[in-house]
Amino acid sequence: MGRRKARTSITIPEGLLADLDRRARDEGRTRSDMVCEAITSYFAGEKERLLAEAYSEMARESAELSGE
């Protein structure tokens, strides 16, 4: 990723950790890489959702203003 990294500690259910470790091993990646990708994907999805809501609101307001 090219960014400075910081160490953190999180608590997750054991089953989820086992799934994460299994997937990371199968893909030849680190646990940290998998978690970073998941968080990045989550934030990107949130941004897309918020933009879609804003566009929908703008379309609704535009339709109201035009008398539709």
PDB file of N, CA and C in Angstrom:
ATOM      1  N   MET A   1       0.810  -1.193   0.000  1.00  0.00           N
ATOM      2  CA  MET A   1       0.000   0.000   0.000  1.00  0.00           C
ATOM      3  C   MET A   1       0.856   1.259   0.000  1.00  0.00           C
ATOM      4  N   GLY A   2       2.094   1.198   0.458  1.00  0.00           N
ATOM      5  CA  GLY A   2       2.977   2.332   0.399  1.00  0.00           C
ATOM      6  C   GLY A   2       2.771   3.362   1.493  1.00  0.00           C
ATOM      7  N   ARG A   3       1.874   3.137   2.377  1.00  0.00           N
ATOM      8  CA  ARG A   3       1.613   4.082   3.461  1.00  0.00           C
ATOM      9  C   ARG A   3       2.296   3.610   4.722  1.00  0.00           C
ATOM     10  N   ARG A   4       2.529   4.561   5.632  1.00  0.00           N
ATOM     11  CA  ARG A   4       3.061   4.174   6.932  1.00  0.00           C
ATOM     12  C   ARG A   4       2.033   3.302   7.633  1.00  0.00           C
ATOM     13  N   LYS A   5       2.502   2.349   8.352  1.00  0.00           N
ATOM     14  CA  LYS A   5       1.600   1.421   9.031  1.00  0.00           C
ATOM     15  C   LYS A   5       1.722   1.580  10.540  1.00  0.00           C
ATOM     16  N   ALA A   6       0.629   1.298  11.218  1.00  0.00           N
ATOM     17  CA  ALA A   6       0.584   1.344  12.672  1.00  0.00           C
ATOM     18  C   ALA A   6       0.036   0.017  13.165  1.00  0.00           C
ATOM     19  N   ARG A   7       0.542  -0.435  14.262  1.00  0.00           N
ATOM     20  CA  ARG A   7       0.082  -1.683  14.860  1.00  0.00           C
ATOM     21  C   ARG A   7      -1.142  -1.389  15.726  1.00  0.00           C
ATOM     22  N   THR A   8      -2.101  -2.297  15.680  1.00  0.00           N
ATOM     23  CA  THR A   8      -3.306  -2.162  16.493  1.00  0.00           C
ATOM     24  C   THR A   8      -3.701  -3.534  17.024  1.00  0.00           C
ATOM     25  N   SER A   9      -4.615  -3.534  17.931  1.00  0.00           N
ATOM     26  CA  SER A   9      -5.123  -4.781  18.475  1.00  0.00           C
ATOM     27  C   SER A   9      -6.640  -4.733  18.427  1.00  0.00           C
ATOM     28  N   ILE A  10      -7.244  -5.793  17.889  1.00  0.00           N
ATOM     29  CA  ILE A  10      -8.698  -5.866  17.824  1.00  0.00           C
ATOM     30  C   ILE A  10      -9.151  -7.201  18.402  1.00  0.00           C
ATOM     31  N   THR A  11     -10.408  -7.264  18.737  1.00  0.00           N
ATOM     32  CA  THR A  11     -10.997  -8.493  19.247  1.00  0.00           C
ATOM     33  C   THR A  11     -12.107  -8.903  18.285  1.00  0.00           C
ATOM     34  N   ILE A  12     -12.012 -10.132  17.771  1.00  0.00           N
ATOM     35  CA  ILE A  12     -13.040 -10.653  16.871  1.00  0.00           C
ATOM     36  C   ILE A  12     -13.381 -12.076  17.300  1.00  0.00           C
ATOM     37  N   PRO A  13     -14.546 -12.554  16.927  1.00  0.00           N
ATOM     38  CA  PRO A  13     -14.928 -13.918  17.299  1.00  0.00           C
ATOM     39  C   PRO A  13     -13.917 -14.945  16.759  1.00  0.00           C
ATOM     40  N   GLU A  14     -13.696 -16.001  17.530  1.00  0.00           N
ATOM     41  CA  GLU A  14     -12.713 -17.022  17.157  1.00  0.00           C
ATOM     42  C   GLU A  14     -12.997 -17.633  15.790  1.00  0.00           C
ATOM     43  N   GLY A  15     -14.265 -17.884  15.503  1.00  0.00           N
ATOM     44  CA  GLY A  15     -14.619 -18.477  14.217  1.00  0.00           C
ATOM     45  C   GLY A  15     -14.255 -17.576  13.043  1.00  0.00           C
ATOM     46  N   LEU A  16     -14.485 -16.281  13.217  1.00  0.00           N
ATOM     47  CA  LEU A  16     -14.137 -15.324  12.175  1.00  0.00           C
ATOM     48  C   LEU A  16     -12.623 -15.258  11.984  1.00  0.00           C
ATOM     49  N   LEU A  17     -11.891 -15.308  13.080  1.00  0.00           N
ATOM     50  CA  LEU A  17     -10.434 -15.318  12.997  1.00  0.00           C
ATOM     51  C   LEU A  17      -9.938 -16.570  12.279  1.00  0.00           C
ATOM     52  N   ALA A  18     -10.548 -17.701  12.560  1.00  0.00           N
ATOM     53  CA  ALA A  18     -10.165 -18.947  11.885  1.00  0.00           C
ATOM     54  C   ALA A  18     -10.439 -18.842  10.386  1.00  0.00           C
ATOM     55  N   ASP A  19     -11.588 -18.261  10.026  1.00  0.00           N
ATOM     56  CA  ASP A  19     -11.908 -18.060   8.609  1.00  0.00           C
ATOM     57  C   ASP A  19     -10.897 -17.125   7.950  1.00  0.00           C
ATOM     58  N   LEU A  20     -10.553 -16.057   8.638  1.00  0.00           N
ATOM     59  CA  LEU A  20      -9.581 -15.100   8.127  1.00  0.00           C
ATOM     60  C   LEU A  20      -8.223 -15.763   7.908  1.00  0.00           C
ATOM     61  N   ASP A  21      -7.772 -16.503   8.894  1.00  0.00           N
ATOM     62  CA  ASP A  21      -6.477 -17.172   8.775  1.00  0.00           C
ATOM     63  C   ASP A  21      -6.476 -18.207   7.649  1.00  0.00           C
ATOM     64  N   ARG A  22      -7.551 -18.941   7.526  1.00  0.00           N
ATOM     65  CA  ARG A  22      -7.659 -19.948   6.462  1.00  0.00           C
ATOM     66  C   ARG A  22      -7.609 -19.277   5.088  1.00  0.00           C
ATOM     67  N   ARG A  23      -8.384 -18.212   4.917  1.00  0.00           N
ATOM     68  CA  ARG A  23      -8.417 -17.497   3.635  1.00  0.00           C
ATOM     69  C   ARG A  23      -7.058 -16.875   3.330  1.00  0.00           C
ATOM     70  N   ALA A  24      -6.446 -16.265   4.324  1.00  0.00           N
ATOM     71  CA  ALA A  24      -5.130 -15.649   4.121  1.00  0.00           C
ATOM     72  C   ALA A  24      -4.110 -16.709   3.704  1.00  0.00           C
ATOM     73  N   ARG A  25      -4.134 -17.840   4.374  1.00  0.00           N
ATOM     74  CA  ARG A  25      -3.204 -18.930   4.035  1.00  0.00           C
ATOM     75  C   ARG A  25      -3.456 -19.426   2.611  1.00  0.00           C
ATOM     76  N   ASP A  26      -4.732 -19.641   2.278  1.00  0.00           N
ATOM     77  CA  ASP A  26      -5.076 -20.143   0.943  1.00  0.00           C
ATOM     78  C   ASP A  26      -4.652 -19.178  -0.163  1.00  0.00           C
ATOM     79  N   GLU A  27      -4.702 -17.883   0.122  1.00  0.00           N
ATOM     80  CA  GLU A  27      -4.361 -16.879  -0.877  1.00  0.00           C
ATOM     81  C   GLU A  27      -2.909 -16.429  -0.796  1.00  0.00           C
ATOM     82  N   GLY A  28      -2.158 -16.980   0.176  1.00  0.00           N
ATOM     83  CA  GLY A  28      -0.753 -16.606   0.320  1.00  0.00           C
ATOM     84  C   GLY A  28      -0.576 -15.161   0.747  1.00  0.00           C
ATOM     85  N   ARG A  29      -1.475 -14.695   1.585  1.00  0.00           N
ATOM     86  CA  ARG A  29      -1.444 -13.307   2.047  1.00  0.00           C
ATOM     87  C   ARG A  29      -1.351 -13.276   3.559  1.00  0.00           C
ATOM     88  N   THR A  30      -1.127 -12.091   4.094  1.00  0.00           N
ATOM     89  CA  THR A  30      -1.087 -11.954   5.547  1.00  0.00           C
ATOM     90  C   THR A  30      -2.467 -11.598   6.075  1.00  0.00           C
ATOM     91  N   ARG A  31      -2.646 -11.869   7.330  1.00  0.00           N
ATOM     92  CA  ARG A  31      -3.875 -11.492   8.024  1.00  0.00           C
ATOM     93  C   ARG A  31      -4.069  -9.979   7.926  1.00  0.00           C
ATOM     94  N   SER A  32      -3.011  -9.228   8.133  1.00  0.00           N
ATOM     95  CA  SER A  32      -3.093  -7.765   8.068  1.00  0.00           C
ATOM     96  C   SER A  32      -3.545  -7.287   6.692  1.00  0.00           C
ATOM     97  N   ASP A  33      -2.991  -7.887   5.640  1.00  0.00           N
ATOM     98  CA  ASP A  33      -3.398  -7.500   4.287  1.00  0.00           C
ATOM     99  C   ASP A  33      -4.887  -7.742   4.071  1.00  0.00           C
ATOM    100  N   MET A  34      -5.371  -8.871   4.545  1.00  0.00           N
ATOM    101  CA  MET A  34      -6.780  -9.211   4.380  1.00  0.00           C
ATOM    102  C   MET A  34      -7.675  -8.214   5.124  1.00  0.00           C
ATOM    103  N   VAL A  35      -7.295  -7.870   6.348  1.00  0.00           N
ATOM    104  CA  VAL A  35      -8.091  -6.937   7.146  1.00  0.00           C
ATOM    105  C   VAL A  35      -8.068  -5.551   6.507  1.00  0.00           C
ATOM    106  N   CYS A  36      -6.890  -5.103   6.047  1.00  0.00           N
ATOM    107  CA  CYS A  36      -6.799  -3.794   5.380  1.00  0.00           C
ATOM    108  C   CYS A  36      -7.685  -3.748   4.148  1.00  0.00           C
ATOM    109  N   GLU A  37      -7.664  -4.809   3.347  1.00  0.00           N
ATOM    110  CA  GLU A  37      -8.501  -4.848   2.153  1.00  0.00           C
ATOM    111  C   GLU A  37      -9.983  -4.815   2.520  1.00  0.00           C
ATOM    112  N   ALA A  38     -10.365  -5.540   3.547  1.00  0.00           N
ATOM    113  CA  ALA A  38     -11.771  -5.571   3.968  1.00  0.00           C
ATOM    114  C   ALA A  38     -12.230  -4.196   4.440  1.00  0.00           C
ATOM    115  N   ILE A  39     -11.408  -3.513   5.208  1.00  0.00           N
ATOM    116  CA  ILE A  39     -11.773  -2.188   5.708  1.00  0.00           C
ATOM    117  C   ILE A  39     -11.859  -1.199   4.554  1.00  0.00           C
ATOM    118  N   THR A  40     -10.893  -1.248   3.647  1.00  0.00           N
ATOM    119  CA  THR A  40     -10.899  -0.362   2.481  1.00  0.00           C
ATOM    120  C   THR A  40     -12.149  -0.587   1.653  1.00  0.00           C
ATOM    121  N   SER A  41     -12.510  -1.835   1.443  1.00  0.00           N
ATOM    122  CA  SER A  41     -13.707  -2.169   0.680  1.00  0.00           C
ATOM    123  C   SER A  41     -14.961  -1.667   1.388  1.00  0.00           C
ATOM    124  N   TYR A  42     -15.006  -1.816   2.683  1.00  0.00           N
ATOM    125  CA  TYR A  42     -16.157  -1.344   3.460  1.00  0.00           C
ATOM    126  C   TYR A  42     -16.334   0.164   3.306  1.00  0.00           C
ATOM    127  N   PHE A  43     -15.238   0.913   3.463  1.00  0.00           N
ATOM    128  CA  PHE A  43     -15.319   2.368   3.340  1.00  0.00           C
ATOM    129  C   PHE A  43     -15.711   2.786   1.923  1.00  0.00           C
ATOM    130  N   ALA A  44     -15.199   2.100   0.914  1.00  0.00           N
ATOM    131  CA  ALA A  44     -15.564   2.413  -0.471  1.00  0.00           C
ATOM    132  C   ALA A  44     -17.050   2.160  -0.690  1.00  0.00           C
ATOM    133  N   GLY A  45     -17.570   1.079  -0.146  1.00  0.00           N
ATOM    134  CA  GLY A  45     -18.994   0.774  -0.259  1.00  0.00           C
ATOM    135  C   GLY A  45     -19.848   1.813   0.432  1.00  0.00           C
ATOM    136  N   GLU A  46     -19.408   2.275   1.584  1.00  0.00           N
ATOM    137  CA  GLU A  46     -20.139   3.317   2.307  1.00  0.00           C
ATOM    138  C   GLU A  46     -20.161   4.606   1.491  1.00  0.00           C
ATOM    139  N   LYS A  47     -19.022   4.953   0.896  1.00  0.00           N
ATOM    140  CA  LYS A  47     -18.958   6.167   0.084  1.00  0.00           C
ATOM    141  C   LYS A  47     -19.914   6.059  -1.104  1.00  0.00           C
ATOM    142  N   GLU A  48     -19.921   4.915  -1.764  1.00  0.00           N
ATOM    143  CA  GLU A  48     -20.831   4.713  -2.898  1.00  0.00           C
ATOM    144  C   GLU A  48     -22.289   4.804  -2.455  1.00  0.00           C
ATOM    145  N   ARG A  49     -22.613   4.220  -1.317  1.00  0.00           N
ATOM    146  CA  ARG A  49     -23.984   4.260  -0.802  1.00  0.00           C
ATOM    147  C   ARG A  49     -24.405   5.689  -0.513  1.00  0.00           C
ATOM    148  N   LEU A  50     -23.528   6.463   0.121  1.00  0.00           N
ATOM    149  CA  LEU A  50     -23.859   7.852   0.441  1.00  0.00           C
ATOM    150  C   LEU A  50     -24.022   8.695  -0.825  1.00  0.00           C
ATOM    151  N   LEU A  51     -23.169   8.464  -1.823  1.00  0.00           N
ATOM    152  CA  LEU A  51     -23.299   9.190  -3.085  1.00  0.00           C
ATOM    153  C   LEU A  51     -24.616   8.835  -3.781  1.00  0.00           C
ATOM    154  N   ALA A  52     -24.975   7.561  -3.781  1.00  0.00           N
ATOM    155  CA  ALA A  52     -26.227   7.129  -4.406  1.00  0.00           C
ATOM    156  C   ALA A  52     -27.421   7.780  -3.701  1.00  0.00           C
ATOM    157  N   GLU A  53     -27.383   7.846  -2.387  1.00  0.00           N
ATOM    158  CA  GLU A  53     -28.462   8.500  -1.639  1.00  0.00           C
ATOM    159  C   GLU A  53     -28.551   9.977  -2.002  1.00  0.00           C
ATOM    160  N   ALA A  54     -27.401  10.638  -2.119  1.00  0.00           N
ATOM    161  CA  ALA A  54     -27.381  12.063  -2.453  1.00  0.00           C
ATOM    162  C   ALA A  54     -27.939  12.298  -3.851  1.00  0.00           C
ATOM    163  N   TYR A  55     -27.537  11.466  -4.809  1.00  0.00           N
ATOM    164  CA  TYR A  55     -28.050  11.607  -6.168  1.00  0.00           C
ATOM    165  C   TYR A  55     -29.559  11.355  -6.215  1.00  0.00           C
ATOM    166  N   SER A  56     -30.024  10.379  -5.475  1.00  0.00           N
ATOM    167  CA  SER A  56     -31.460  10.103  -5.430  1.00  0.00           C
ATOM    168  C   SER A  56     -32.219  11.284  -4.851  1.00  0.00           C
ATOM    169  N   GLU A  57     -31.677  11.871  -3.814  1.00  0.00           N
ATOM    170  CA  GLU A  57     -32.315  13.040  -3.198  1.00  0.00           C
ATOM    171  C   GLU A  57     -32.327  14.209  -4.173  1.00  0.00           C
ATOM    172  N   MET A  58     -31.225  14.422  -4.894  1.00  0.00           N
ATOM    173  CA  MET A  58     -31.162  15.499  -5.875  1.00  0.00           C
ATOM    174  C   MET A  58     -32.191  15.274  -6.983  1.00  0.00           C
ATOM    175  N   ALA A  59     -32.340  14.052  -7.440  1.00  0.00           N
ATOM    176  CA  ALA A  59     -33.316  13.734  -8.490  1.00  0.00           C
ATOM    177  C   ALA A  59     -34.728  13.972  -7.985  1.00  0.00           C
ATOM    178  N   ARG A  60     -34.996  13.587  -6.744  1.00  0.00           N
ATOM    179  CA  ARG A  60     -36.330  13.795  -6.164  1.00  0.00           C
ATOM    180  C   ARG A  60     -36.634  15.288  -6.074  1.00  0.00           C
ATOM    181  N   GLU A  61     -35.667  16.067  -5.590  1.00  0.00           N
ATOM    182  CA  GLU A  61     -35.859  17.508  -5.463  1.00  0.00           C
ATOM    183  C   GLU A  61     -36.040  18.153  -6.838  1.00  0.00           C
ATOM    184  N   SER A  62     -35.274  17.703  -7.822  1.00  0.00           N
ATOM    185  CA  SER A  62     -35.389  18.223  -9.178  1.00  0.00           C
ATOM    186  C   SER A  62     -36.763  17.941  -9.751  1.00  0.00           C
ATOM    187  N   ALA A  63     -37.262  16.729  -9.523  1.00  0.00           N
ATOM    188  CA  ALA A  63     -38.595  16.354 -10.011  1.00  0.00           C
ATOM    189  C   ALA A  63     -39.666  17.211  -9.325  1.00  0.00           C
ATOM    190  N   GLU A  64     -39.514  17.473  -8.039  1.00  0.00           N
ATOM    191  CA  GLU A  64     -40.478  18.308  -7.318  1.00  0.00           C
ATOM    192  C   GLU A  64     -40.478  19.727  -7.861  1.00  0.00           C
ATOM    193  N   LEU A  65     -39.285  20.243  -8.145  1.00  0.00           N
ATOM    194  CA  LEU A  65     -39.178  21.607  -8.644  1.00  0.00           C
ATOM    195  C   LEU A  65     -39.752  21.749 -10.046  1.00  0.00           C
ATOM    196  N   SER A  66     -39.635  20.677 -10.835  1.00  0.00           N
ATOM    197  CA  SER A  66     -40.144  20.756 -12.204  1.00  0.00           C
ATOM    198  C   SER A  66     -41.628  20.400 -12.271  1.00  0.00           C
ATOM    199  N   GLY A  67     -42.226  20.068 -11.152  1.00  0.00           N
ATOM    200  CA  GLY A  67     -43.646  19.792 -11.088  1.00  0.00           C
ATOM    201  C   GLY A  67     -44.049  18.391 -11.481  1.00  0.00           C
ATOM    202  N   GLU A  68     -43.124  17.482 -11.505  1.00  0.00           N
ATOM    203  CA  GLU A  68     -43.454  16.083 -11.879  1.00  0.00           C
ATOM    204  C   GLU A  68     -44.061  15.362 -10.710  1.00  0.00           C
TER     205      GLU A  68
END
